N, C-alpha and C. Protein backbone atom coordinates (compact mmCIF):
# COMPACT_ATOMS: atom_id res chain seq x y z
N MET A 1 149.84 108.95 73.51
CA MET A 1 149.37 108.27 72.30
C MET A 1 148.64 106.97 72.65
N ASP A 2 149.19 106.24 73.60
CA ASP A 2 148.56 105.00 74.03
C ASP A 2 147.18 105.27 74.61
N GLN A 3 147.06 106.35 75.36
CA GLN A 3 145.76 106.67 75.94
C GLN A 3 144.74 107.01 74.87
N LEU A 4 145.17 107.72 73.82
CA LEU A 4 144.27 108.04 72.71
C LEU A 4 143.82 106.78 72.00
N GLU A 5 144.74 105.85 71.80
CA GLU A 5 144.38 104.59 71.16
C GLU A 5 143.39 103.80 72.00
N GLN A 6 143.56 103.82 73.31
CA GLN A 6 142.63 103.13 74.19
C GLN A 6 141.24 103.74 74.11
N ILE A 7 141.19 105.07 74.05
CA ILE A 7 139.90 105.76 73.95
C ILE A 7 139.21 105.40 72.64
N ILE A 8 139.98 105.42 71.55
CA ILE A 8 139.40 105.08 70.24
C ILE A 8 138.91 103.64 70.23
N SER A 9 139.70 102.73 70.81
CA SER A 9 139.30 101.32 70.87
C SER A 9 138.03 101.15 71.68
N LEU A 10 137.92 101.89 72.78
CA LEU A 10 136.74 101.80 73.64
C LEU A 10 135.51 102.32 72.92
N ILE A 11 135.66 103.44 72.19
CA ILE A 11 134.53 103.99 71.44
C ILE A 11 134.10 103.02 70.34
N ALA A 12 135.08 102.43 69.65
CA ALA A 12 134.76 101.48 68.58
C ALA A 12 134.03 100.27 69.12
N LEU A 13 134.47 99.74 70.26
CA LEU A 13 133.81 98.59 70.85
C LEU A 13 132.40 98.94 71.30
N THR A 14 132.25 100.10 71.92
CA THR A 14 130.93 100.53 72.39
C THR A 14 129.95 100.66 71.25
N MET A 15 130.37 101.34 70.19
CA MET A 15 129.48 101.52 69.04
C MET A 15 129.31 100.23 68.26
N GLY A 16 130.37 99.43 68.23
CA GLY A 16 130.31 98.18 67.47
C GLY A 16 129.30 97.20 68.03
N VAL A 17 129.30 97.03 69.36
CA VAL A 17 128.35 96.07 69.93
C VAL A 17 126.92 96.56 69.80
N GLY A 18 126.72 97.88 69.86
CA GLY A 18 125.38 98.42 69.67
C GLY A 18 124.90 98.19 68.25
N TRP A 19 125.73 98.57 67.29
CA TRP A 19 125.38 98.39 65.88
C TRP A 19 125.13 96.92 65.54
N ALA A 20 126.02 96.04 65.96
CA ALA A 20 125.91 94.62 65.62
C ALA A 20 124.70 93.97 66.28
N SER A 21 124.35 94.40 67.49
CA SER A 21 123.22 93.81 68.19
C SER A 21 121.91 94.04 67.46
N GLY A 22 121.81 95.17 66.75
CA GLY A 22 120.59 95.44 66.00
C GLY A 22 120.41 94.54 64.80
N ILE A 23 121.49 93.92 64.34
CA ILE A 23 121.42 93.03 63.18
C ILE A 23 121.32 91.58 63.62
N ASN A 24 122.21 91.15 64.48
CA ASN A 24 122.19 89.78 64.98
C ASN A 24 122.78 89.77 66.39
N LEU A 25 121.92 89.87 67.37
CA LEU A 25 122.35 89.96 68.77
C LEU A 25 123.11 88.71 69.20
N TYR A 26 122.59 87.54 68.83
CA TYR A 26 123.16 86.29 69.33
C TYR A 26 124.54 86.01 68.74
N ALA A 27 124.73 86.36 67.47
CA ALA A 27 126.06 86.21 66.86
C ALA A 27 127.05 87.16 67.52
N THR A 28 126.58 88.35 67.88
CA THR A 28 127.44 89.33 68.55
C THR A 28 127.92 88.80 69.90
N VAL A 29 126.98 88.31 70.71
CA VAL A 29 127.33 87.79 72.03
C VAL A 29 128.25 86.58 71.92
N LEU A 30 127.93 85.69 70.98
CA LEU A 30 128.76 84.49 70.78
C LEU A 30 130.19 84.85 70.42
N MET A 31 130.35 85.75 69.46
CA MET A 31 131.69 86.10 69.01
C MET A 31 132.49 86.76 70.13
N LEU A 32 131.88 87.69 70.84
CA LEU A 32 132.57 88.36 71.94
C LEU A 32 132.97 87.36 73.02
N GLY A 33 132.05 86.48 73.39
CA GLY A 33 132.32 85.51 74.44
C GLY A 33 133.40 84.52 74.07
N VAL A 34 133.35 84.01 72.83
CA VAL A 34 134.35 83.03 72.39
C VAL A 34 135.73 83.67 72.30
N LEU A 35 135.81 84.86 71.71
CA LEU A 35 137.10 85.54 71.59
C LEU A 35 137.69 85.87 72.96
N ASN A 36 136.82 86.26 73.89
CA ASN A 36 137.30 86.58 75.24
C ASN A 36 137.82 85.32 75.94
N ASN A 37 137.09 84.22 75.83
CA ASN A 37 137.49 82.99 76.51
C ASN A 37 138.74 82.37 75.90
N MET A 38 138.95 82.60 74.60
CA MET A 38 140.13 82.05 73.94
C MET A 38 141.36 82.94 74.11
N GLY A 39 141.18 84.10 74.73
CA GLY A 39 142.30 84.99 74.99
C GLY A 39 142.69 85.87 73.84
N HIS A 40 141.87 85.91 72.78
CA HIS A 40 142.20 86.76 71.62
C HIS A 40 141.94 88.23 71.92
N VAL A 41 140.99 88.50 72.81
CA VAL A 41 140.70 89.87 73.23
C VAL A 41 140.48 89.88 74.74
N THR A 42 140.67 91.04 75.32
CA THR A 42 140.37 91.21 76.74
C THR A 42 139.26 92.25 76.86
N LEU A 43 138.07 91.77 77.13
CA LEU A 43 136.92 92.67 77.21
C LEU A 43 136.92 93.40 78.53
N PRO A 44 136.28 94.58 78.60
CA PRO A 44 136.11 95.25 79.89
C PRO A 44 135.41 94.33 80.89
N GLU A 45 135.71 94.53 82.15
CA GLU A 45 135.19 93.62 83.18
C GLU A 45 133.67 93.53 83.15
N GLU A 46 133.00 94.65 82.89
CA GLU A 46 131.54 94.67 82.87
C GLU A 46 130.97 93.85 81.72
N LEU A 47 131.79 93.61 80.68
CA LEU A 47 131.31 92.91 79.50
C LEU A 47 131.77 91.45 79.46
N GLN A 48 132.61 91.06 80.39
CA GLN A 48 133.15 89.70 80.37
C GLN A 48 132.10 88.64 80.72
N VAL A 49 130.94 89.08 81.16
CA VAL A 49 129.86 88.13 81.45
C VAL A 49 129.44 87.38 80.19
N VAL A 50 129.68 87.94 79.01
CA VAL A 50 129.30 87.24 77.77
C VAL A 50 130.11 85.97 77.58
N GLY A 51 131.23 85.83 78.29
CA GLY A 51 132.03 84.62 78.20
C GLY A 51 131.60 83.54 79.17
N ASP A 52 130.61 83.82 79.99
CA ASP A 52 130.10 82.81 80.92
C ASP A 52 129.49 81.65 80.14
N PRO A 53 129.78 80.39 80.52
CA PRO A 53 129.25 79.25 79.76
C PRO A 53 127.74 79.26 79.61
N LEU A 54 127.02 79.70 80.64
CA LEU A 54 125.56 79.74 80.54
C LEU A 54 125.11 80.74 79.49
N VAL A 55 125.77 81.90 79.47
CA VAL A 55 125.43 82.92 78.46
C VAL A 55 125.76 82.41 77.06
N LEU A 56 126.90 81.75 76.91
CA LEU A 56 127.30 81.23 75.61
C LEU A 56 126.34 80.14 75.12
N MET A 57 125.90 79.27 76.03
CA MET A 57 124.96 78.22 75.63
C MET A 57 123.63 78.82 75.21
N ALA A 58 123.15 79.82 75.96
CA ALA A 58 121.89 80.47 75.60
C ALA A 58 122.00 81.19 74.27
N ALA A 59 123.11 81.92 74.08
CA ALA A 59 123.31 82.64 72.82
C ALA A 59 123.47 81.67 71.65
N GLY A 60 124.18 80.57 71.89
CA GLY A 60 124.37 79.58 70.83
C GLY A 60 123.05 78.94 70.42
N PHE A 61 122.22 78.61 71.40
CA PHE A 61 120.93 78.00 71.09
C PHE A 61 120.04 78.97 70.32
N MET A 62 119.99 80.23 70.77
CA MET A 62 119.15 81.21 70.10
C MET A 62 119.68 81.55 68.71
N TYR A 63 121.00 81.52 68.54
CA TYR A 63 121.56 81.75 67.22
C TYR A 63 121.18 80.60 66.28
N PHE A 64 121.16 79.39 66.81
CA PHE A 64 120.75 78.23 66.02
C PHE A 64 119.30 78.40 65.55
N VAL A 65 118.42 78.83 66.45
CA VAL A 65 117.02 79.05 66.09
C VAL A 65 116.92 80.17 65.06
N GLU A 66 117.63 81.28 65.31
CA GLU A 66 117.54 82.42 64.41
C GLU A 66 118.13 82.10 63.04
N PHE A 67 119.14 81.24 63.00
CA PHE A 67 119.78 80.90 61.74
C PHE A 67 118.76 80.37 60.74
N PHE A 68 117.80 79.57 61.22
CA PHE A 68 116.79 79.02 60.33
C PHE A 68 115.57 79.95 60.20
N ALA A 69 115.15 80.56 61.31
CA ALA A 69 113.99 81.45 61.24
C ALA A 69 114.27 82.64 60.33
N ASP A 70 115.52 83.08 60.29
CA ASP A 70 115.89 84.27 59.54
C ASP A 70 115.94 84.03 58.03
N LYS A 71 115.77 82.78 57.61
CA LYS A 71 115.90 82.45 56.20
C LYS A 71 114.58 82.01 55.58
N VAL A 72 113.50 82.03 56.35
CA VAL A 72 112.19 81.63 55.84
C VAL A 72 111.37 82.89 55.57
N PRO A 73 110.92 83.10 54.33
CA PRO A 73 110.13 84.29 54.02
C PRO A 73 108.89 84.39 54.91
N GLY A 74 108.66 85.54 55.48
CA GLY A 74 107.52 85.75 56.37
C GLY A 74 107.88 85.48 57.81
N VAL A 75 108.52 84.35 58.06
CA VAL A 75 108.95 84.02 59.42
C VAL A 75 110.01 85.01 59.87
N ASP A 76 110.89 85.41 58.95
CA ASP A 76 111.95 86.35 59.31
C ASP A 76 111.38 87.70 59.74
N THR A 77 110.31 88.14 59.09
CA THR A 77 109.68 89.41 59.47
C THR A 77 109.04 89.31 60.85
N GLY A 78 108.37 88.20 61.12
CA GLY A 78 107.80 87.99 62.45
C GLY A 78 108.88 87.94 63.52
N TRP A 79 109.99 87.28 63.19
CA TRP A 79 111.12 87.19 64.12
C TRP A 79 111.71 88.57 64.40
N ASP A 80 111.86 89.36 63.34
CA ASP A 80 112.38 90.72 63.51
C ASP A 80 111.43 91.58 64.34
N SER A 81 110.13 91.44 64.11
CA SER A 81 109.15 92.22 64.87
C SER A 81 109.26 91.91 66.36
N LEU A 82 109.37 90.62 66.69
CA LEU A 82 109.52 90.22 68.08
C LEU A 82 110.81 90.78 68.67
N HIS A 83 111.88 90.77 67.89
CA HIS A 83 113.19 91.19 68.40
C HIS A 83 113.39 92.69 68.45
N THR A 84 112.37 93.44 68.03
CA THR A 84 112.41 94.89 68.27
C THR A 84 112.54 95.17 69.75
N PHE A 85 111.91 94.33 70.57
CA PHE A 85 111.91 94.52 72.02
C PHE A 85 113.09 93.83 72.70
N ILE A 86 113.96 93.20 71.91
CA ILE A 86 115.10 92.48 72.48
C ILE A 86 116.43 93.08 72.02
N ARG A 87 116.56 93.27 70.72
CA ARG A 87 117.85 93.73 70.18
C ARG A 87 118.22 95.14 70.65
N ILE A 88 117.24 96.04 70.67
CA ILE A 88 117.56 97.44 71.00
C ILE A 88 117.98 97.59 72.46
N PRO A 89 117.20 97.09 73.44
CA PRO A 89 117.69 97.21 74.83
C PRO A 89 118.95 96.40 75.09
N ALA A 90 119.11 95.26 74.40
CA ALA A 90 120.33 94.47 74.58
C ALA A 90 121.53 95.22 74.02
N GLY A 91 121.35 95.89 72.89
CA GLY A 91 122.43 96.69 72.33
C GLY A 91 122.83 97.81 73.27
N ALA A 92 121.84 98.44 73.90
CA ALA A 92 122.13 99.51 74.87
C ALA A 92 122.88 98.95 76.08
N ALA A 93 122.47 97.77 76.55
CA ALA A 93 123.11 97.16 77.72
C ALA A 93 124.55 96.75 77.41
N LEU A 94 124.78 96.16 76.23
CA LEU A 94 126.14 95.77 75.85
C LEU A 94 127.05 96.98 75.68
N ALA A 95 126.50 98.05 75.10
CA ALA A 95 127.29 99.27 74.92
C ALA A 95 127.67 99.87 76.28
N ALA A 96 126.73 99.86 77.23
CA ALA A 96 127.03 100.37 78.57
C ALA A 96 128.08 99.50 79.24
N GLY A 97 128.01 98.17 79.04
CA GLY A 97 129.02 97.29 79.61
C GLY A 97 130.38 97.44 78.98
N ALA A 98 130.39 97.87 77.71
CA ALA A 98 131.67 98.00 77.00
C ALA A 98 132.54 99.12 77.55
N VAL A 99 131.95 100.13 78.18
CA VAL A 99 132.75 101.24 78.71
C VAL A 99 133.36 100.87 80.06
N GLY A 100 132.98 99.70 80.60
CA GLY A 100 133.57 99.26 81.85
C GLY A 100 133.03 100.01 83.05
N ASP A 101 133.79 100.01 84.10
CA ASP A 101 133.38 100.62 85.36
C ASP A 101 133.77 102.09 85.36
N MET A 102 132.97 102.90 84.69
CA MET A 102 133.23 104.34 84.62
C MET A 102 132.11 105.10 85.33
N ALA A 103 132.13 106.40 85.17
CA ALA A 103 131.11 107.23 85.80
C ALA A 103 129.74 106.88 85.23
N PRO A 104 128.68 107.00 86.04
CA PRO A 104 127.33 106.68 85.56
C PRO A 104 126.96 107.47 84.30
N ALA A 105 127.42 108.72 84.21
CA ALA A 105 127.09 109.53 83.04
C ALA A 105 127.66 108.92 81.77
N VAL A 106 128.88 108.36 81.86
CA VAL A 106 129.51 107.73 80.70
C VAL A 106 128.73 106.48 80.29
N GLU A 107 128.31 105.69 81.27
CA GLU A 107 127.56 104.48 80.97
C GLU A 107 126.22 104.81 80.34
N ILE A 108 125.54 105.84 80.85
CA ILE A 108 124.26 106.24 80.28
C ILE A 108 124.43 106.74 78.86
N ALA A 109 125.47 107.54 78.64
CA ALA A 109 125.74 108.04 77.28
C ALA A 109 126.03 106.89 76.33
N ALA A 110 126.81 105.91 76.79
CA ALA A 110 127.12 104.75 75.96
C ALA A 110 125.85 103.95 75.66
N ALA A 111 124.98 103.81 76.65
CA ALA A 111 123.73 103.08 76.44
C ALA A 111 122.84 103.80 75.43
N LEU A 112 122.80 105.13 75.49
CA LEU A 112 121.98 105.89 74.54
C LEU A 112 122.51 105.73 73.11
N VAL A 113 123.84 105.84 72.96
CA VAL A 113 124.43 105.71 71.63
C VAL A 113 124.28 104.28 71.12
N GLY A 114 124.58 103.31 71.98
CA GLY A 114 124.47 101.91 71.57
C GLY A 114 123.05 101.52 71.23
N GLY A 115 122.09 101.98 72.04
CA GLY A 115 120.69 101.69 71.75
C GLY A 115 120.22 102.34 70.46
N SER A 116 120.68 103.55 70.19
CA SER A 116 120.30 104.24 68.95
C SER A 116 120.87 103.52 67.73
N LEU A 117 122.14 103.10 67.82
CA LEU A 117 122.73 102.36 66.70
C LEU A 117 122.03 101.02 66.50
N ALA A 118 121.69 100.36 67.60
CA ALA A 118 120.95 99.09 67.49
C ALA A 118 119.59 99.31 66.85
N ALA A 119 118.92 100.39 67.23
CA ALA A 119 117.61 100.70 66.64
C ALA A 119 117.73 100.97 65.14
N GLY A 120 118.77 101.72 64.75
CA GLY A 120 118.96 102.04 63.34
C GLY A 120 119.26 100.82 62.50
N SER A 121 120.21 100.00 62.95
CA SER A 121 120.57 98.81 62.17
C SER A 121 119.43 97.79 62.16
N HIS A 122 118.69 97.71 63.28
CA HIS A 122 117.54 96.80 63.33
C HIS A 122 116.45 97.26 62.38
N ALA A 123 116.19 98.56 62.33
CA ALA A 123 115.16 99.09 61.42
C ALA A 123 115.52 98.82 59.97
N ALA A 124 116.79 99.00 59.63
CA ALA A 124 117.23 98.73 58.26
C ALA A 124 117.08 97.25 57.92
N LYS A 125 117.46 96.39 58.85
CA LYS A 125 117.34 94.94 58.62
C LYS A 125 115.89 94.51 58.49
N ALA A 126 115.05 94.92 59.44
CA ALA A 126 113.65 94.49 59.44
C ALA A 126 112.90 95.07 58.25
N GLY A 127 113.15 96.35 57.92
CA GLY A 127 112.46 96.96 56.80
C GLY A 127 112.85 96.35 55.47
N SER A 128 114.14 96.09 55.29
CA SER A 128 114.59 95.49 54.04
C SER A 128 114.04 94.08 53.88
N ARG A 129 113.86 93.37 55.00
CA ARG A 129 113.31 92.02 54.91
C ARG A 129 111.85 92.04 54.45
N VAL A 130 111.09 93.05 54.89
CA VAL A 130 109.71 93.18 54.42
C VAL A 130 109.68 93.33 52.91
N LEU A 131 110.58 94.15 52.38
CA LEU A 131 110.64 94.36 50.93
C LEU A 131 111.12 93.10 50.21
N ILE A 132 112.10 92.42 50.78
CA ILE A 132 112.61 91.19 50.17
C ILE A 132 111.52 90.13 50.10
N ASN A 133 110.64 90.11 51.11
CA ASN A 133 109.60 89.09 51.16
C ASN A 133 108.51 89.27 50.12
N THR A 134 108.54 90.39 49.39
CA THR A 134 107.60 90.54 48.28
C THR A 134 107.97 89.61 47.14
N SER A 135 109.21 89.10 47.16
CA SER A 135 109.63 88.10 46.18
C SER A 135 109.42 86.72 46.79
N PRO A 136 108.68 85.83 46.11
CA PRO A 136 108.32 84.54 46.73
C PRO A 136 109.48 83.57 46.90
N GLU A 137 110.55 83.74 46.11
CA GLU A 137 111.64 82.75 46.19
C GLU A 137 112.48 83.00 47.45
N PRO A 138 113.03 81.93 48.03
CA PRO A 138 113.78 82.05 49.29
C PRO A 138 115.25 82.41 49.13
N VAL A 139 115.74 82.50 47.88
CA VAL A 139 117.18 82.70 47.67
C VAL A 139 117.62 84.05 48.24
N THR A 140 116.81 85.09 48.02
CA THR A 140 117.18 86.42 48.52
C THR A 140 117.20 86.45 50.04
N ASN A 141 116.31 85.70 50.69
CA ASN A 141 116.31 85.65 52.16
C ASN A 141 117.58 85.00 52.68
N TRP A 142 117.99 83.90 52.05
CA TRP A 142 119.23 83.23 52.45
C TRP A 142 120.43 84.14 52.22
N THR A 143 120.44 84.80 51.07
CA THR A 143 121.57 85.69 50.74
C THR A 143 121.65 86.83 51.74
N ALA A 144 120.50 87.44 52.04
CA ALA A 144 120.48 88.56 52.99
C ALA A 144 120.91 88.11 54.38
N SER A 145 120.40 86.96 54.82
CA SER A 145 120.70 86.48 56.16
C SER A 145 122.19 86.16 56.32
N ILE A 146 122.76 85.44 55.35
CA ILE A 146 124.18 85.09 55.44
C ILE A 146 125.05 86.35 55.35
N SER A 147 124.65 87.28 54.50
CA SER A 147 125.41 88.53 54.38
C SER A 147 125.39 89.31 55.69
N GLU A 148 124.24 89.33 56.35
CA GLU A 148 124.13 90.03 57.63
C GLU A 148 125.01 89.39 58.69
N ASP A 149 125.02 88.05 58.73
CA ASP A 149 125.88 87.36 59.70
C ASP A 149 127.35 87.68 59.46
N LEU A 150 127.76 87.63 58.20
CA LEU A 150 129.15 87.93 57.87
C LEU A 150 129.50 89.38 58.19
N MET A 151 128.53 90.27 57.96
CA MET A 151 128.76 91.69 58.25
C MET A 151 128.95 91.91 59.76
N VAL A 152 128.16 91.21 60.57
CA VAL A 152 128.28 91.33 62.03
C VAL A 152 129.64 90.80 62.49
N LEU A 153 130.00 89.61 62.03
CA LEU A 153 131.28 89.02 62.44
C LEU A 153 132.45 89.88 61.99
N GLY A 154 132.39 90.36 60.75
CA GLY A 154 133.45 91.22 60.25
C GLY A 154 133.50 92.56 60.97
N GLY A 155 132.34 93.11 61.29
CA GLY A 155 132.29 94.39 61.98
C GLY A 155 132.86 94.30 63.39
N ILE A 156 132.49 93.25 64.11
CA ILE A 156 133.02 93.08 65.47
C ILE A 156 134.53 92.86 65.42
N TRP A 157 134.99 92.06 64.48
CA TRP A 157 136.43 91.83 64.35
C TRP A 157 137.16 93.14 64.05
N ALA A 158 136.60 93.95 63.16
CA ALA A 158 137.23 95.23 62.83
C ALA A 158 137.22 96.18 64.01
N ALA A 159 136.11 96.20 64.76
CA ALA A 159 136.03 97.08 65.93
C ALA A 159 137.08 96.73 66.97
N LEU A 160 137.41 95.44 67.08
CA LEU A 160 138.39 94.99 68.07
C LEU A 160 139.82 95.14 67.59
N ASN A 161 140.05 94.97 66.29
CA ASN A 161 141.42 94.94 65.76
C ASN A 161 141.81 96.19 64.97
N HIS A 162 140.85 96.83 64.35
CA HIS A 162 141.12 98.04 63.56
C HIS A 162 140.05 99.09 63.87
N PRO A 163 140.06 99.62 65.09
CA PRO A 163 138.97 100.52 65.52
C PRO A 163 138.81 101.76 64.67
N VAL A 164 139.91 102.33 64.18
CA VAL A 164 139.81 103.55 63.36
C VAL A 164 139.08 103.26 62.06
N TRP A 165 139.45 102.17 61.41
CA TRP A 165 138.78 101.80 60.17
C TRP A 165 137.31 101.47 60.41
N PHE A 166 137.04 100.81 61.53
CA PHE A 166 135.65 100.49 61.84
C PHE A 166 134.82 101.76 62.04
N LEU A 167 135.36 102.71 62.79
CA LEU A 167 134.62 103.95 63.04
C LEU A 167 134.38 104.71 61.74
N ALA A 168 135.35 104.70 60.84
CA ALA A 168 135.18 105.35 59.54
C ALA A 168 134.06 104.68 58.75
N ALA A 169 134.06 103.34 58.75
CA ALA A 169 133.00 102.60 58.05
C ALA A 169 131.64 102.83 58.70
N LEU A 170 131.64 102.97 60.04
CA LEU A 170 130.39 103.19 60.74
C LEU A 170 129.79 104.56 60.39
N VAL A 171 130.65 105.56 60.22
CA VAL A 171 130.17 106.88 59.80
C VAL A 171 129.50 106.79 58.44
N VAL A 172 130.13 106.04 57.52
CA VAL A 172 129.54 105.85 56.19
C VAL A 172 128.21 105.12 56.31
N PHE A 173 128.15 104.10 57.18
CA PHE A 173 126.92 103.35 57.38
C PHE A 173 125.80 104.25 57.90
N VAL A 174 126.10 105.11 58.85
CA VAL A 174 125.08 106.01 59.41
C VAL A 174 124.58 106.98 58.35
N ILE A 175 125.48 107.50 57.54
CA ILE A 175 125.07 108.42 56.46
C ILE A 175 124.14 107.70 55.47
N LEU A 176 124.53 106.48 55.08
CA LEU A 176 123.68 105.70 54.19
C LEU A 176 122.35 105.37 54.84
N LEU A 177 122.38 105.11 56.15
CA LEU A 177 121.16 104.77 56.88
C LEU A 177 120.18 105.95 56.88
N ILE A 178 120.70 107.15 57.09
CA ILE A 178 119.85 108.35 57.09
C ILE A 178 119.20 108.52 55.72
N TRP A 179 119.95 108.21 54.66
CA TRP A 179 119.41 108.33 53.31
C TRP A 179 118.45 107.19 52.97
N LEU A 180 118.74 106.00 53.49
CA LEU A 180 118.02 104.79 53.08
C LEU A 180 116.73 104.56 53.86
N LEU A 181 116.72 104.87 55.15
CA LEU A 181 115.56 104.53 55.97
C LEU A 181 114.25 105.12 55.46
N PRO A 182 114.20 106.40 55.06
CA PRO A 182 112.94 106.92 54.52
C PRO A 182 112.45 106.15 53.30
N LYS A 183 113.37 105.72 52.43
CA LYS A 183 113.00 104.95 51.25
C LYS A 183 112.47 103.58 51.66
N ILE A 184 113.13 102.94 52.63
CA ILE A 184 112.65 101.65 53.12
C ILE A 184 111.27 101.80 53.74
N TRP A 185 111.07 102.87 54.52
CA TRP A 185 109.80 103.09 55.18
C TRP A 185 108.67 103.28 54.17
N ARG A 186 108.95 104.04 53.10
CA ARG A 186 107.92 104.22 52.06
C ARG A 186 107.60 102.89 51.39
N GLY A 187 108.61 102.08 51.15
CA GLY A 187 108.38 100.77 50.56
C GLY A 187 107.58 99.86 51.47
N VAL A 188 107.90 99.89 52.76
CA VAL A 188 107.17 99.06 53.74
C VAL A 188 105.70 99.48 53.80
N LYS A 189 105.44 100.79 53.78
CA LYS A 189 104.06 101.28 53.81
C LYS A 189 103.28 100.82 52.59
N LYS A 190 103.94 100.79 51.42
CA LYS A 190 103.27 100.32 50.21
C LYS A 190 102.92 98.84 50.33
N VAL A 191 103.85 98.06 50.91
CA VAL A 191 103.59 96.63 51.08
C VAL A 191 102.40 96.41 52.00
N PHE A 192 102.38 97.09 53.15
CA PHE A 192 101.29 96.89 54.09
C PHE A 192 99.98 97.47 53.56
N ARG A 193 100.06 98.54 52.75
CA ARG A 193 98.86 99.11 52.15
C ARG A 193 98.27 98.11 51.15
N PHE A 194 99.16 97.42 50.41
CA PHE A 194 98.69 96.40 49.47
C PHE A 194 98.02 95.24 50.21
N ILE A 195 98.67 94.80 51.32
CA ILE A 195 98.10 93.70 52.11
C ILE A 195 96.76 94.11 52.70
N ALA A 196 96.69 95.35 53.22
CA ALA A 196 95.43 95.83 53.78
C ALA A 196 94.35 95.92 52.71
N GLY A 197 94.76 96.26 51.47
CA GLY A 197 93.79 96.35 50.39
C GLY A 197 93.17 95.00 50.04
N LEU A 198 93.92 93.92 50.25
CA LEU A 198 93.39 92.59 49.98
C LEU A 198 92.23 92.26 50.91
N PHE A 199 92.25 92.82 52.11
CA PHE A 199 91.20 92.56 53.09
C PHE A 199 90.33 93.80 53.32
N GLY A 200 90.52 94.81 52.50
CA GLY A 200 89.83 96.08 52.71
C GLY A 200 88.33 95.96 52.67
N ALA A 201 87.78 95.18 51.73
CA ALA A 201 86.33 95.08 51.59
C ALA A 201 85.71 94.46 52.83
N LYS A 202 86.36 93.44 53.37
CA LYS A 202 85.82 92.78 54.55
C LYS A 202 85.89 93.69 55.77
N VAL A 203 86.95 94.48 55.87
CA VAL A 203 87.13 95.34 57.03
C VAL A 203 86.20 96.54 56.97
N ASP A 204 85.94 97.06 55.72
CA ASP A 204 85.18 98.29 55.60
C ASP A 204 83.67 98.07 55.65
N ASP A 205 83.22 96.84 55.37
CA ASP A 205 81.78 96.61 55.32
C ASP A 205 81.10 96.91 56.63
N ALA A 206 81.66 96.42 57.72
CA ALA A 206 81.02 96.56 59.03
C ALA A 206 80.92 98.01 59.47
N PRO A 207 81.98 98.82 59.41
CA PRO A 207 81.87 100.21 59.81
C PRO A 207 80.87 100.99 58.96
N ASP A 208 80.79 100.73 57.63
CA ASP A 208 79.86 101.45 56.79
C ASP A 208 78.43 101.17 57.18
N ASP A 209 78.13 99.89 57.53
CA ASP A 209 76.77 99.52 57.93
C ASP A 209 76.37 100.23 59.20
N ARG A 210 77.33 100.41 60.10
CA ARG A 210 76.99 101.07 61.36
C ARG A 210 76.82 102.56 61.18
N GLN A 211 77.52 103.14 60.19
CA GLN A 211 77.49 104.58 60.03
C GLN A 211 76.27 105.06 59.26
N LEU A 212 75.66 104.18 58.41
CA LEU A 212 74.55 104.60 57.58
C LEU A 212 73.38 105.15 58.39
N PRO A 213 72.92 104.49 59.45
CA PRO A 213 71.81 105.05 60.24
C PRO A 213 72.16 106.40 60.83
N ASN A 214 73.40 106.60 61.25
CA ASN A 214 73.79 107.88 61.84
C ASN A 214 73.70 108.99 60.83
N LYS A 215 74.13 108.70 59.56
CA LYS A 215 74.07 109.73 58.54
C LYS A 215 72.64 110.10 58.21
N SER A 216 71.75 109.11 58.11
CA SER A 216 70.36 109.38 57.78
C SER A 216 69.66 110.10 58.92
N ALA A 217 70.10 109.76 60.15
CA ALA A 217 69.48 110.42 61.31
C ALA A 217 69.86 111.87 61.36
N SER A 218 71.13 112.18 60.97
CA SER A 218 71.57 113.56 61.03
C SER A 218 70.86 114.43 60.01
N ARG A 219 70.46 113.79 58.87
CA ARG A 219 69.72 114.53 57.88
C ARG A 219 68.28 114.76 58.31
């Protein structure tokens, strides 16, 4: 029974760090590092590097920057776009570290699952922010950002202390994500189509002028 509980805890931690990294990577690293250093949790040896003072200072500084960037309409979308190349590979790396010193196949599998969860949660966060930014007031951005931070902190805490409940909630999240992402994507396309339409006349003039001689020549 103890071995089964350890396996469940390991799976929850692996999936938890991947999922949380896609939403707020720096809060994830900070929470893991602080809890490990305070003795509240014992992370796998491969993941204990997050408790290194240098890593904690870097994560703390970047979380401070993200805390404000994530609450400014427009800036949050640019920040999310940049972090597409950071959150997903970092989520994969943290998930691989969470399984500890196991067989390479296990680490690769953990990295694939963690990276996929990070990609899914990041896509939901970034896409929803594009839609939220259609509203000019900043209240929704602040509400979304604070809610995301609380969700990450609560999710990591649940993954460490109540792994079964966390995995059950994660299954529900994935099901909702499969249903929600296409709707978010359609909304994002409408937003960018509207923005492109504002500049459409300027963009289309030049190509039309170049094509007119070709059309007349073909006739």
